[in-house]
């Protein structure tokens, strides 16, 4: 149960207005939320009880996608719109596999950042910055990013359950991270879509209008486009990845672990689960568009390499 006026909560925080990040924490059973958040979340659950299931399924997808990135040799993670730290943080997952993994958390919400800093303490492998992900250059050029993340090496870029709270052209947010990532990097996205819009989902959208970050449901094709030319990872092991074509599935259906509960895809009993989609894309090697000119023997000089 949430506690009011927590010691880590910024004094200037408006406790009277619900916040999507703190509502998500409540759906997951966390305690870093306030009365306004719980009231708004309970109103959503009264209309759509499967929202809590969707939140837990999304958290499980985060766990599986981070493990997948680690299996591909990735040791760096940027978690954009990371939210309030709770059980199963990215750094906990990553360090359980590789103690040297580096994780950068980014969020604009004061409670999320304050609690993350209190939780992390001093750990050279992990950092958090308070920033709006709508300004990717600020994040990429941030001293904390440059200290912790080496963009000349593969990195996993996580947009998990965050882009559907941002209006407008979110590709303008994702594209700079795609461009900055080196070959072998991963792009992880989960996003609520409008594929199975019902009166239930419309009411959920209306309730989120009360928060500073109203819900923005997008079409499947618009979410697919966010991966650009990244090769999509098959949602089930053993199938081939698909360059140039996205493979998005409900969050609970992306490479589920043995024993995971899988609701029926497209189930009318849970339209929110059926339309909450996820995917992972991998960046391939750069394509050379011009053949280098040959140089006479003895005139070849070493040249500095760069990621651009």
C-alpha atoms as a PDB file:
ATOM      1  CA  UNK A   1       0.000   0.000   0.000  1.00  0.00           C
ATOM      2  CA  UNK A   2       1.317   3.434  -0.880  1.00  0.00           C
ATOM      3  CA  UNK A   3       2.674   5.861   1.691  1.00  0.00           C
ATOM      4  CA  UNK A   4       2.115   9.604   1.532  1.00  0.00           C
ATOM      5  CA  UNK A   5       4.945  12.160   1.824  1.00  0.00           C
ATOM      6  CA  UNK A   6       7.695   9.570   1.469  1.00  0.00           C
ATOM      7  CA  UNK A   7      11.172  10.797   2.385  1.00  0.00           C
ATOM      8  CA  UNK A   8      12.454  10.264  -1.166  1.00  0.00           C
ATOM      9  CA  UNK A   9       9.552  12.136  -2.814  1.00  0.00           C
ATOM     10  CA  UNK A  10      10.490  15.664  -4.004  1.00  0.00           C
ATOM     11  CA  UNK A  11       8.873  18.346  -1.858  1.00  0.00           C
ATOM     12  CA  UNK A  12       7.428  20.145  -4.895  1.00  0.00           C
ATOM     13  CA  UNK A  13       5.586  17.037  -6.116  1.00  0.00           C
ATOM     14  CA  UNK A  14       1.856  17.502  -6.739  1.00  0.00           C
ATOM     15  CA  UNK A  15       0.265  14.593  -4.878  1.00  0.00           C
ATOM     16  CA  UNK A  16      -3.255  15.484  -6.019  1.00  0.00           C
ATOM     17  CA  UNK A  17      -2.817  14.476  -9.660  1.00  0.00           C
ATOM     18  CA  UNK A  18      -2.406  10.827 -10.743  1.00  0.00           C
ATOM     19  CA  UNK A  19       0.703   9.829 -12.666  1.00  0.00           C
ATOM     20  CA  UNK A  20       0.981   6.973 -15.193  1.00  0.00           C
ATOM     21  CA  UNK A  21       4.346   5.740 -13.848  1.00  0.00           C
ATOM     22  CA  UNK A  22       3.018   5.541 -10.288  1.00  0.00           C
ATOM     23  CA  UNK A  23      -0.215   3.912 -11.494  1.00  0.00           C
ATOM     24  CA  UNK A  24       1.925   1.281 -13.256  1.00  0.00           C
ATOM     25  CA  UNK A  25       3.792   0.718  -9.993  1.00  0.00           C
ATOM     26  CA  UNK A  26       0.426   0.165  -8.278  1.00  0.00           C
ATOM     27  CA  UNK A  27      -0.693  -2.308 -10.973  1.00  0.00           C
ATOM     28  CA  UNK A  28       2.505  -4.281 -10.290  1.00  0.00           C
ATOM     29  CA  UNK A  29       1.804  -4.340  -6.552  1.00  0.00           C
ATOM     30  CA  UNK A  30       4.403  -1.702  -5.688  1.00  0.00           C
ATOM     31  CA  UNK A  31       4.261   0.822  -2.863  1.00  0.00           C
ATOM     32  CA  UNK A  32       5.660   3.928  -4.560  1.00  0.00           C
ATOM     33  CA  UNK A  33       2.362   5.592  -5.338  1.00  0.00           C
ATOM     34  CA  UNK A  34      -0.023   8.036  -3.733  1.00  0.00           C
ATOM     35  CA  UNK A  35      -3.768   8.218  -3.045  1.00  0.00           C
ATOM     36  CA  UNK A  36      -4.537   9.982  -6.334  1.00  0.00           C
ATOM     37  CA  UNK A  37      -2.602   7.308  -8.238  1.00  0.00           C
ATOM     38  CA  UNK A  38      -4.404   4.462  -6.486  1.00  0.00           C
ATOM     39  CA  UNK A  39      -7.822   6.023  -7.021  1.00  0.00           C
ATOM     40  CA  UNK A  40      -7.161   6.506 -10.735  1.00  0.00           C
ATOM     41  CA  UNK A  41      -5.709   2.998 -11.066  1.00  0.00           C
ATOM     42  CA  UNK A  42      -8.675   1.466  -9.278  1.00  0.00           C
ATOM     43  CA  UNK A  43     -11.013   3.321 -11.661  1.00  0.00           C
ATOM     44  CA  UNK A  44      -9.130   1.773 -14.598  1.00  0.00           C
ATOM     45  CA  UNK A  45      -9.274  -1.698 -13.018  1.00  0.00           C
ATOM     46  CA  UNK A  46     -13.012  -1.342 -12.423  1.00  0.00           C
ATOM     47  CA  UNK A  47     -13.482  -0.910 -16.173  1.00  0.00           C
ATOM     48  CA  UNK A  48     -10.666  -3.160 -17.401  1.00  0.00           C
ATOM     49  CA  UNK A  49      -9.386  -5.600 -14.761  1.00  0.00           C
ATOM     50  CA  UNK A  50      -6.950  -7.090 -17.296  1.00  0.00           C
ATOM     51  CA  UNK A  51      -4.821  -3.930 -17.153  1.00  0.00           C
ATOM     52  CA  UNK A  52      -2.995  -5.397 -14.155  1.00  0.00           C
ATOM     53  CA  UNK A  53      -2.395  -8.592 -16.137  1.00  0.00           C
ATOM     54  CA  UNK A  54      -1.031  -6.507 -19.009  1.00  0.00           C
ATOM     55  CA  UNK A  55       1.343  -4.669 -16.652  1.00  0.00           C
ATOM     56  CA  UNK A  56       2.697  -7.943 -15.256  1.00  0.00           C
ATOM     57  CA  UNK A  57       2.989  -9.447 -18.747  1.00  0.00           C
ATOM     58  CA  UNK A  58       4.901  -6.372 -19.896  1.00  0.00           C
ATOM     59  CA  UNK A  59       7.272  -6.687 -16.955  1.00  0.00           C
ATOM     60  CA  UNK A  60       7.904 -10.317 -17.855  1.00  0.00           C
ATOM     61  CA  UNK A  61       8.586  -9.280 -21.470  1.00  0.00           C
ATOM     62  CA  UNK A  62      11.184  -6.812 -20.183  1.00  0.00           C
ATOM     63  CA  UNK A  63      12.904  -9.631 -18.313  1.00  0.00           C
ATOM     64  CA  UNK A  64      12.947 -11.942 -21.327  1.00  0.00           C
ATOM     65  CA  UNK A  65      14.127  -9.273 -23.770  1.00  0.00           C
ATOM     66  CA  UNK A  66      17.009  -8.239 -21.500  1.00  0.00           C
ATOM     67  CA  UNK A  67      18.074 -11.868 -21.178  1.00  0.00           C
ATOM     68  CA  UNK A  68      17.864 -12.264 -24.946  1.00  0.00           C
ATOM     69  CA  UNK A  69      20.112  -9.231 -25.443  1.00  0.00           C
ATOM     70  CA  UNK A  70      22.619 -10.698 -23.000  1.00  0.00           C
ATOM     71  CA  UNK A  71      22.584 -13.959 -24.954  1.00  0.00           C
ATOM     72  CA  UNK A  72      23.537 -11.946 -28.050  1.00  0.00           C
ATOM     73  CA  UNK A  73      26.606 -10.601 -26.257  1.00  0.00           C
ATOM     74  CA  UNK A  74      25.166  -7.185 -25.390  1.00  0.00           C
ATOM     75  CA  UNK A  75      26.491  -5.768 -22.121  1.00  0.00           C
ATOM     76  CA  UNK A  76      25.033  -2.242 -22.186  1.00  0.00           C
ATOM     77  CA  UNK A  77      21.443  -1.104 -21.697  1.00  0.00           C
ATOM     78  CA  UNK A  78      19.651   2.240 -21.972  1.00  0.00           C
ATOM     79  CA  UNK A  79      16.207   2.017 -20.353  1.00  0.00           C
ATOM     80  CA  UNK A  80      14.178   4.970 -21.622  1.00  0.00           C
ATOM     81  CA  UNK A  81      11.139   5.937 -19.585  1.00  0.00           C
ATOM     82  CA  UNK A  82      12.316   3.433 -17.002  1.00  0.00           C
ATOM     83  CA  UNK A  83       9.649   4.311 -14.444  1.00  0.00           C
ATOM     84  CA  UNK A  84       9.738   3.548 -10.748  1.00  0.00           C
ATOM     85  CA  UNK A  85      12.210   0.801  -9.808  1.00  0.00           C
ATOM     86  CA  UNK A  86      10.475  -2.335  -8.648  1.00  0.00           C
ATOM     87  CA  UNK A  87      11.167  -6.054  -8.594  1.00  0.00           C
ATOM     88  CA  UNK A  88      12.946  -7.164 -11.747  1.00  0.00           C
ATOM     89  CA  UNK A  89      14.847  -4.012 -12.682  1.00  0.00           C
ATOM     90  CA  UNK A  90      17.024  -4.107 -15.779  1.00  0.00           C
ATOM     91  CA  UNK A  91      20.251  -3.989 -13.768  1.00  0.00           C
ATOM     92  CA  UNK A  92      19.077  -6.836 -11.515  1.00  0.00           C
ATOM     93  CA  UNK A  93      18.296  -8.984 -14.561  1.00  0.00           C
ATOM     94  CA  UNK A  94      21.523  -8.057 -16.349  1.00  0.00           C
ATOM     95  CA  UNK A  95      23.804  -8.516 -13.340  1.00  0.00           C
ATOM     96  CA  UNK A  96      22.322 -11.933 -12.605  1.00  0.00           C
ATOM     97  CA  UNK A  97      23.849 -13.004 -15.925  1.00  0.00           C
ATOM     98  CA  UNK A  98      26.857 -10.688 -16.282  1.00  0.00           C
ATOM     99  CA  UNK A  99      28.133  -8.709 -13.314  1.00  0.00           C
ATOM    100  CA  UNK A 100      29.904  -6.246 -15.616  1.00  0.00           C
ATOM    101  CA  UNK A 101      26.786  -5.163 -17.517  1.00  0.00           C
ATOM    102  CA  UNK A 102      26.132  -1.419 -17.570  1.00  0.00           C
ATOM    103  CA  UNK A 103      22.672   0.107 -17.287  1.00  0.00           C
ATOM    104  CA  UNK A 104      21.519   3.690 -17.773  1.00  0.00           C
ATOM    105  CA  UNK A 105      18.025   4.579 -16.574  1.00  0.00           C
ATOM    106  CA  UNK A 106      16.269   7.620 -18.041  1.00  0.00           C
ATOM    107  CA  UNK A 107      13.008   9.088 -16.794  1.00  0.00           C
ATOM    108  CA  UNK A 108      11.439  12.515 -16.455  1.00  0.00           C
ATOM    109  CA  UNK A 109       9.160  11.639 -13.516  1.00  0.00           C
ATOM    110  CA  UNK A 110      10.626  13.025 -10.246  1.00  0.00           C
ATOM    111  CA  UNK A 111       9.463  10.136  -8.057  1.00  0.00           C
ATOM    112  CA  UNK A 112      10.933   7.562 -10.445  1.00  0.00           C
ATOM    113  CA  UNK A 113      14.293   9.336 -10.537  1.00  0.00           C
ATOM    114  CA  UNK A 114      14.449  10.075  -6.808  1.00  0.00           C
ATOM    115  CA  UNK A 115      13.654   6.506  -5.854  1.00  0.00           C
ATOM    116  CA  UNK A 116      16.047   5.086  -8.453  1.00  0.00           C
ATOM    117  CA  UNK A 117      18.880   7.184  -7.051  1.00  0.00           C
ATOM    118  CA  UNK A 118      18.069   6.096  -3.513  1.00  0.00           C
ATOM    119  CA  UNK A 119      17.914   2.452  -4.584  1.00  0.00           C
ATOM    120  CA  UNK A 120      21.086   2.439  -6.689  1.00  0.00           C
ATOM    121  CA  UNK A 121      23.373   4.292  -4.312  1.00  0.00           C
ATOM    122  CA  UNK A 122      26.927   4.389  -5.652  1.00  0.00           C
ATOM    123  CA  UNK A 123      27.422   1.762  -8.326  1.00  0.00           C
ATOM    124  CA  UNK A 124      29.794   2.543 -11.210  1.00  0.00           C
ATOM    125  CA  UNK A 125      27.908   0.087 -13.427  1.00  0.00           C
ATOM    126  CA  UNK A 126      24.530   1.851 -13.145  1.00  0.00           C
ATOM    127  CA  UNK A 127      23.349   5.446 -13.386  1.00  0.00           C
ATOM    128  CA  UNK A 128      20.101   7.380 -13.726  1.00  0.00           C
ATOM    129  CA  UNK A 129      19.431  10.721 -15.363  1.00  0.00           C
ATOM    130  CA  UNK A 130      16.309  12.834 -15.209  1.00  0.00           C
ATOM    131  CA  UNK A 131      15.470  13.705 -18.791  1.00  0.00           C
ATOM    132  CA  UNK A 132      12.577  13.868 -21.213  1.00  0.00           C
ATOM    133  CA  UNK A 133      12.997  11.155 -23.838  1.00  0.00           C
ATOM    134  CA  UNK A 134      11.474  13.566 -26.377  1.00  0.00           C
ATOM    135  CA  UNK A 135      14.970  15.106 -26.513  1.00  0.00           C
ATOM    136  CA  UNK A 136      17.194  12.194 -27.579  1.00  0.00           C
ATOM    137  CA  UNK A 137      20.249  14.342 -28.344  1.00  0.00           C
ATOM    138  CA  UNK A 138      20.274  15.619 -24.760  1.00  0.00           C
ATOM    139  CA  UNK A 139      20.317  12.034 -23.536  1.00  0.00           C
ATOM    140  CA  UNK A 140      22.945  10.801 -25.998  1.00  0.00           C
ATOM    141  CA  UNK A 141      25.227  13.778 -25.250  1.00  0.00           C
ATOM    142  CA  UNK A 142      24.678  13.638 -21.485  1.00  0.00           C
ATOM    143  CA  UNK A 143      27.925  13.178 -19.511  1.00  0.00           C
ATOM    144  CA  UNK A 144      26.392  10.241 -17.621  1.00  0.00           C
ATOM    145  CA  UNK A 145      25.585   8.507 -20.909  1.00  0.00           C
ATOM    146  CA  UNK A 146      29.042   9.132 -22.312  1.00  0.00           C
ATOM    147  CA  UNK A 147      30.709   7.894 -19.124  1.00  0.00           C
ATOM    148  CA  UNK A 148      28.684   4.710 -18.857  1.00  0.00           C
ATOM    149  CA  UNK A 149      27.723   3.723 -22.410  1.00  0.00           C
ATOM    150  CA  UNK A 150      30.173   3.094 -25.247  1.00  0.00           C
ATOM    151  CA  UNK A 151      28.102   3.553 -28.402  1.00  0.00           C
ATOM    152  CA  UNK A 152      30.890   2.052 -30.487  1.00  0.00           C
ATOM    153  CA  UNK A 153      29.837  -1.261 -28.951  1.00  0.00           C
ATOM    154  CA  UNK A 154      26.432  -2.991 -29.092  1.00  0.00           C
ATOM    155  CA  UNK A 155      23.777  -1.600 -26.773  1.00  0.00           C
ATOM    156  CA  UNK A 156      20.191  -2.566 -26.014  1.00  0.00           C
ATOM    157  CA  UNK A 157      17.826   0.399 -26.325  1.00  0.00           C
ATOM    158  CA  UNK A 158      14.641  -0.178 -24.347  1.00  0.00           C
ATOM    159  CA  UNK A 159      11.364   1.639 -25.038  1.00  0.00           C
ATOM    160  CA  UNK A 160       9.196  -0.606 -22.871  1.00  0.00           C
ATOM    161  CA  UNK A 161       5.658   0.654 -22.265  1.00  0.00           C
ATOM    162  CA  UNK A 162       6.597   4.310 -22.679  1.00  0.00           C
ATOM    163  CA  UNK A 163       5.989   5.488 -26.267  1.00  0.00           C
ATOM    164  CA  UNK A 164       2.211   5.129 -25.937  1.00  0.00           C
ATOM    165  CA  UNK A 165       2.309   7.979 -23.419  1.00  0.00           C
ATOM    166  CA  UNK A 166       3.886  10.382 -25.928  1.00  0.00           C
ATOM    167  CA  UNK A 167       1.802  12.210 -28.553  1.00  0.00           C
ATOM    168  CA  UNK A 168       2.911  13.038 -32.069  1.00  0.00           C
ATOM    169  CA  UNK A 169       5.742  11.593 -34.142  1.00  0.00           C
ATOM    170  CA  UNK A 170       7.539   9.185 -31.819  1.00  0.00           C
ATOM    171  CA  UNK A 171       9.769   7.998 -34.666  1.00  0.00           C
ATOM    172  CA  UNK A 172      11.598  11.308 -34.228  1.00  0.00           C
ATOM    173  CA  UNK A 173      12.473  10.047 -30.739  1.00  0.00           C
ATOM    174  CA  UNK A 174      13.453   6.507 -31.699  1.00  0.00           C
ATOM    175  CA  UNK A 175      15.401   7.273 -34.888  1.00  0.00           C
ATOM    176  CA  UNK A 176      18.361   9.073 -33.234  1.00  0.00           C
ATOM    177  CA  UNK A 177      18.893   6.092 -30.939  1.00  0.00           C
ATOM    178  CA  UNK A 178      18.707   3.701 -33.897  1.00  0.00           C
ATOM    179  CA  UNK A 179      21.279   5.818 -35.736  1.00  0.00           C
ATOM    180  CA  UNK A 180      23.623   6.103 -32.755  1.00  0.00           C
ATOM    181  CA  UNK A 181      23.608   2.360 -32.016  1.00  0.00           C
ATOM    182  CA  UNK A 182      26.426   0.242 -33.414  1.00  0.00           C
ATOM    183  CA  UNK A 183      25.882  -2.999 -35.378  1.00  0.00           C
ATOM    184  CA  UNK A 184      24.825  -5.818 -33.092  1.00  0.00           C
ATOM    185  CA  UNK A 185      22.626  -3.524 -31.000  1.00  0.00           C
ATOM    186  CA  UNK A 186      19.045  -4.346 -30.025  1.00  0.00           C
ATOM    187  CA  UNK A 187      15.907  -2.197 -30.070  1.00  0.00           C
ATOM    188  CA  UNK A 188      13.193  -3.336 -27.657  1.00  0.00           C
ATOM    189  CA  UNK A 189       9.679  -1.867 -27.852  1.00  0.00           C
ATOM    190  CA  UNK A 190       6.347  -2.660 -26.237  1.00  0.00           C
ATOM    191  CA  UNK A 191       3.369  -0.484 -27.127  1.00  0.00           C
ATOM    192  CA  UNK A 192      -0.392  -0.454 -26.619  1.00  0.00           C
ATOM    193  CA  UNK A 193      -2.134  -0.407 -29.995  1.00  0.00           C
ATOM    194  CA  UNK A 194      -5.585   0.317 -31.348  1.00  0.00           C
ATOM    195  CA  UNK A 195      -5.956  -3.053 -33.067  1.00  0.00           C
ATOM    196  CA  UNK A 196      -8.752  -4.304 -30.839  1.00  0.00           C
ATOM    197  CA  UNK A 197     -10.347  -1.040 -29.730  1.00  0.00           C
ATOM    198  CA  UNK A 198     -13.500  -1.544 -27.704  1.00  0.00           C
ATOM    199  CA  UNK A 199     -15.655   0.511 -25.373  1.00  0.00           C
ATOM    200  CA  UNK A 200     -13.400  -0.832 -22.627  1.00  0.00           C
ATOM    201  CA  UNK A 201     -10.214   0.519 -24.189  1.00  0.00           C
ATOM    202  CA  UNK A 202     -11.930   3.813 -24.971  1.00  0.00           C
ATOM    203  CA  UNK A 203     -12.893   4.181 -21.309  1.00  0.00           C
ATOM    204  CA  UNK A 204      -9.311   3.395 -20.239  1.00  0.00           C
ATOM    205  CA  UNK A 205      -8.089   6.126 -22.591  1.00  0.00           C
ATOM    206  CA  UNK A 206     -10.590   8.547 -21.088  1.00  0.00           C
ATOM    207  CA  UNK A 207      -9.390   7.789 -17.556  1.00  0.00           C
ATOM    208  CA  UNK A 208      -5.756   8.329 -18.545  1.00  0.00           C
ATOM    209  CA  UNK A 209      -6.728  11.807 -19.749  1.00  0.00           C
ATOM    210  CA  UNK A 210      -6.640  12.723 -16.054  1.00  0.00           C
ATOM    211  CA  UNK A 211      -2.874  12.148 -15.956  1.00  0.00           C
ATOM    212  CA  UNK A 212      -0.108  14.374 -17.380  1.00  0.00           C
ATOM    213  CA  UNK A 213       0.563  11.619 -19.952  1.00  0.00           C
ATOM    214  CA  UNK A 214      -2.662  10.509 -21.694  1.00  0.00           C
ATOM    215  CA  UNK A 215      -2.633   7.148 -23.458  1.00  0.00           C
ATOM    216  CA  UNK A 216      -1.805   7.306 -27.178  1.00  0.00           C
ATOM    217  CA  UNK A 217      -2.930   4.123 -28.949  1.00  0.00           C
ATOM    218  CA  UNK A 218      -1.227   3.686 -32.337  1.00  0.00           C
ATOM    219  CA  UNK A 219      -1.869   1.429 -35.306  1.00  0.00           C
ATOM    220  CA  UNK A 220       0.184  -1.733 -35.685  1.00  0.00           C
ATOM    221  CA  UNK A 221       1.919  -0.414 -38.818  1.00  0.00           C
ATOM    222  CA  UNK A 222       3.023   2.734 -36.998  1.00  0.00           C
ATOM    223  CA  UNK A 223       4.639   0.698 -34.234  1.00  0.00           C
ATOM    224  CA  UNK A 224       6.293  -1.606 -36.767  1.00  0.00           C
ATOM    225  CA  UNK A 225       7.814   1.410 -38.525  1.00  0.00           C
ATOM    226  CA  UNK A 226       9.679   2.374 -35.354  1.00  0.00           C
ATOM    227  CA  UNK A 227      12.129  -0.486 -35.919  1.00  0.00           C
ATOM    228  CA  UNK A 228      13.356   0.990 -39.206  1.00  0.00           C
ATOM    229  CA  UNK A 229      15.713  -1.421 -40.947  1.00  0.00           C
ATOM    230  CA  UNK A 230      16.503  -3.436 -37.832  1.00  0.00           C
ATOM    231  CA  UNK A 231      16.034  -7.178 -38.428  1.00  0.00           C
ATOM    232  CA  UNK A 232      13.118  -8.376 -36.322  1.00  0.00           C
ATOM    233  CA  UNK A 233      13.765 -11.247 -33.950  1.00  0.00           C
ATOM    234  CA  UNK A 234      11.333 -14.127 -34.369  1.00  0.00           C
ATOM    235  CA  UNK A 235       8.943 -14.209 -31.408  1.00  0.00           C
ATOM    236  CA  UNK A 236       9.501 -17.957 -31.000  1.00  0.00           C
ATOM    237  CA  UNK A 237      12.958 -19.572 -30.833  1.00  0.00           C
ATOM    238  CA  UNK A 238      13.979 -21.572 -33.883  1.00  0.00           C
ATOM    239  CA  UNK A 239      12.232 -19.350 -36.437  1.00  0.00           C
ATOM    240  CA  UNK A 240      14.243 -17.093 -38.695  1.00  0.00           C
ATOM    241  CA  UNK A 241      14.585 -13.389 -37.998  1.00  0.00           C
ATOM    242  CA  UNK A 242      12.987 -11.136 -40.601  1.00  0.00           C
ATOM    243  CA  UNK A 243      14.952  -8.259 -42.091  1.00  0.00           C
ATOM    244  CA  UNK A 244      12.655  -5.578 -43.445  1.00  0.00           C
ATOM    245  CA  UNK A 245       9.515  -6.923 -41.798  1.00  0.00           C
ATOM    246  CA  UNK A 246       8.357  -6.533 -38.216  1.00  0.00           C
ATOM    247  CA  UNK A 247       7.114  -9.387 -36.081  1.00  0.00           C
ATOM    248  CA  UNK A 248       5.008  -7.955 -33.269  1.00  0.00           C
ATOM    249  CA  UNK A 249       3.029 -10.152 -30.897  1.00  0.00           C
ATOM    250  CA  UNK A 250       1.229  -9.637 -27.588  1.00  0.00           C
ATOM    251  CA  UNK A 251       3.795  -9.053 -24.840  1.00  0.00           C
ATOM    252  CA  UNK A 252       3.053 -12.410 -23.231  1.00  0.00           C
ATOM    253  CA  UNK A 253       3.737 -14.252 -26.512  1.00  0.00           C
ATOM    254  CA  UNK A 254       7.264 -12.961 -27.169  1.00  0.00           C
ATOM    255  CA  UNK A 255       9.596 -15.904 -26.397  1.00  0.00           C
ATOM    256  CA  UNK A 256       7.674 -16.998 -23.278  1.00  0.00           C
ATOM    257  CA  UNK A 257       9.529 -18.944 -20.636  1.00  0.00           C
ATOM    258  CA  UNK A 258       8.438 -22.521 -19.897  1.00  0.00           C
ATOM    259  CA  UNK A 259       5.528 -22.416 -17.503  1.00  0.00           C
ATOM    260  CA  UNK A 260       4.481 -18.868 -18.388  1.00  0.00           C
ATOM    261  CA  UNK A 261       0.720 -18.420 -18.501  1.00  0.00           C
ATOM    262  CA  UNK A 262      -0.275 -17.534 -22.074  1.00  0.00           C
ATOM    263  CA  UNK A 263      -3.714 -16.002 -22.531  1.00  0.00           C
ATOM    264  CA  UNK A 264      -5.277 -16.807 -25.882  1.00  0.00           C
ATOM    265  CA  UNK A 265      -4.009 -14.416 -28.537  1.00  0.00           C
ATOM    266  CA  UNK A 266      -6.783 -12.020 -29.522  1.00  0.00           C
ATOM    267  CA  UNK A 267      -8.939 -13.194 -26.638  1.00  0.00           C
ATOM    268  CA  UNK A 268     -12.100 -11.110 -26.452  1.00  0.00           C
ATOM    269  CA  UNK A 269     -11.932 -11.479 -22.674  1.00  0.00           C
ATOM    270  CA  UNK A 270      -8.693  -9.459 -22.654  1.00  0.00           C
ATOM    271  CA  UNK A 271      -8.552  -6.965 -25.537  1.00  0.00           C
ATOM    272  CA  UNK A 272      -5.900  -4.957 -23.699  1.00  0.00           C
ATOM    273  CA  UNK A 273      -3.575  -7.966 -23.589  1.00  0.00           C
ATOM    274  CA  UNK A 274      -4.259  -8.837 -27.215  1.00  0.00           C
ATOM    275  CA  UNK A 275      -3.417  -5.312 -28.428  1.00  0.00           C
ATOM    276  CA  UNK A 276      -0.423  -4.707 -26.133  1.00  0.00           C
ATOM    277  CA  UNK A 277       2.304  -5.648 -28.610  1.00  0.00           C
ATOM    278  CA  UNK A 278       6.047  -6.134 -28.374  1.00  0.00           C
ATOM    279  CA  UNK A 279       9.041  -6.849 -30.544  1.00  0.00           C
ATOM    280  CA  UNK A 280      12.841  -6.845 -30.616  1.00  0.00           C
ATOM    281  CA  UNK A 281      14.968  -5.761 -33.555  1.00  0.00           C
ATOM    282  CA  UNK A 282      18.697  -6.241 -34.142  1.00  0.00           C
ATOM    283  CA  UNK A 283      20.913  -3.823 -36.044  1.00  0.00           C
ATOM    284  CA  UNK A 284      22.916  -5.434 -38.795  1.00  0.00           C
ATOM    285  CA  UNK A 285      26.318  -4.369 -40.162  1.00  0.00           C
ATOM    286  CA  UNK A 286      26.620  -1.141 -42.104  1.00  0.00           C
ATOM    287  CA  UNK A 287      26.129  -1.548 -45.849  1.00  0.00           C
ATOM    288  CA  UNK A 288      28.950  -0.159 -47.986  1.00  0.00           C
ATOM    289  CA  UNK A 289      27.433   1.774 -50.866  1.00  0.00           C
ATOM    290  CA  UNK A 290      30.702   2.711 -52.594  1.00  0.00           C
ATOM    291  CA  UNK A 291      33.665   0.478 -53.289  1.00  0.00           C
ATOM    292  CA  UNK A 292      36.887   1.856 -51.802  1.00  0.00           C
ATOM    293  CA  UNK A 293      39.562   2.830 -54.291  1.00  0.00           C
ATOM    294  CA  UNK A 294      42.569   0.537 -54.327  1.00  0.00           C
ATOM    295  CA  UNK A 295      45.854   2.078 -53.259  1.00  0.00           C
ATOM    296  CA  UNK A 296      49.296   1.211 -54.560  1.00  0.00           C
ATOM    297  CA  UNK A 297      51.316  -1.046 -52.302  1.00  0.00           C
ATOM    298  CA  UNK A 298      53.335   0.900 -49.816  1.00  0.00           C
ATOM    299  CA  UNK A 299      50.969   3.863 -49.805  1.00  0.00           C
ATOM    300  CA  UNK A 300      48.305   2.461 -47.517  1.00  0.00           C
ATOM    301  CA  UNK A 301      48.080   4.378 -44.298  1.00  0.00           C
ATOM    302  CA  UNK A 302      46.222   3.476 -41.164  1.00  0.00           C
ATOM    303  CA  UNK A 303      43.052   5.487 -40.732  1.00  0.00           C
ATOM    304  CA  UNK A 304      41.098   6.148 -37.571  1.00  0.00           C
ATOM    305  CA  UNK A 305      37.890   4.162 -37.313  1.00  0.00           C
ATOM    306  CA  UNK A 306      34.602   5.612 -36.176  1.00  0.00           C
ATOM    307  CA  UNK A 307      31.009   4.519 -35.743  1.00  0.00           C
ATOM    308  CA  UNK A 308      29.709   7.064 -38.252  1.00  0.00           C
END
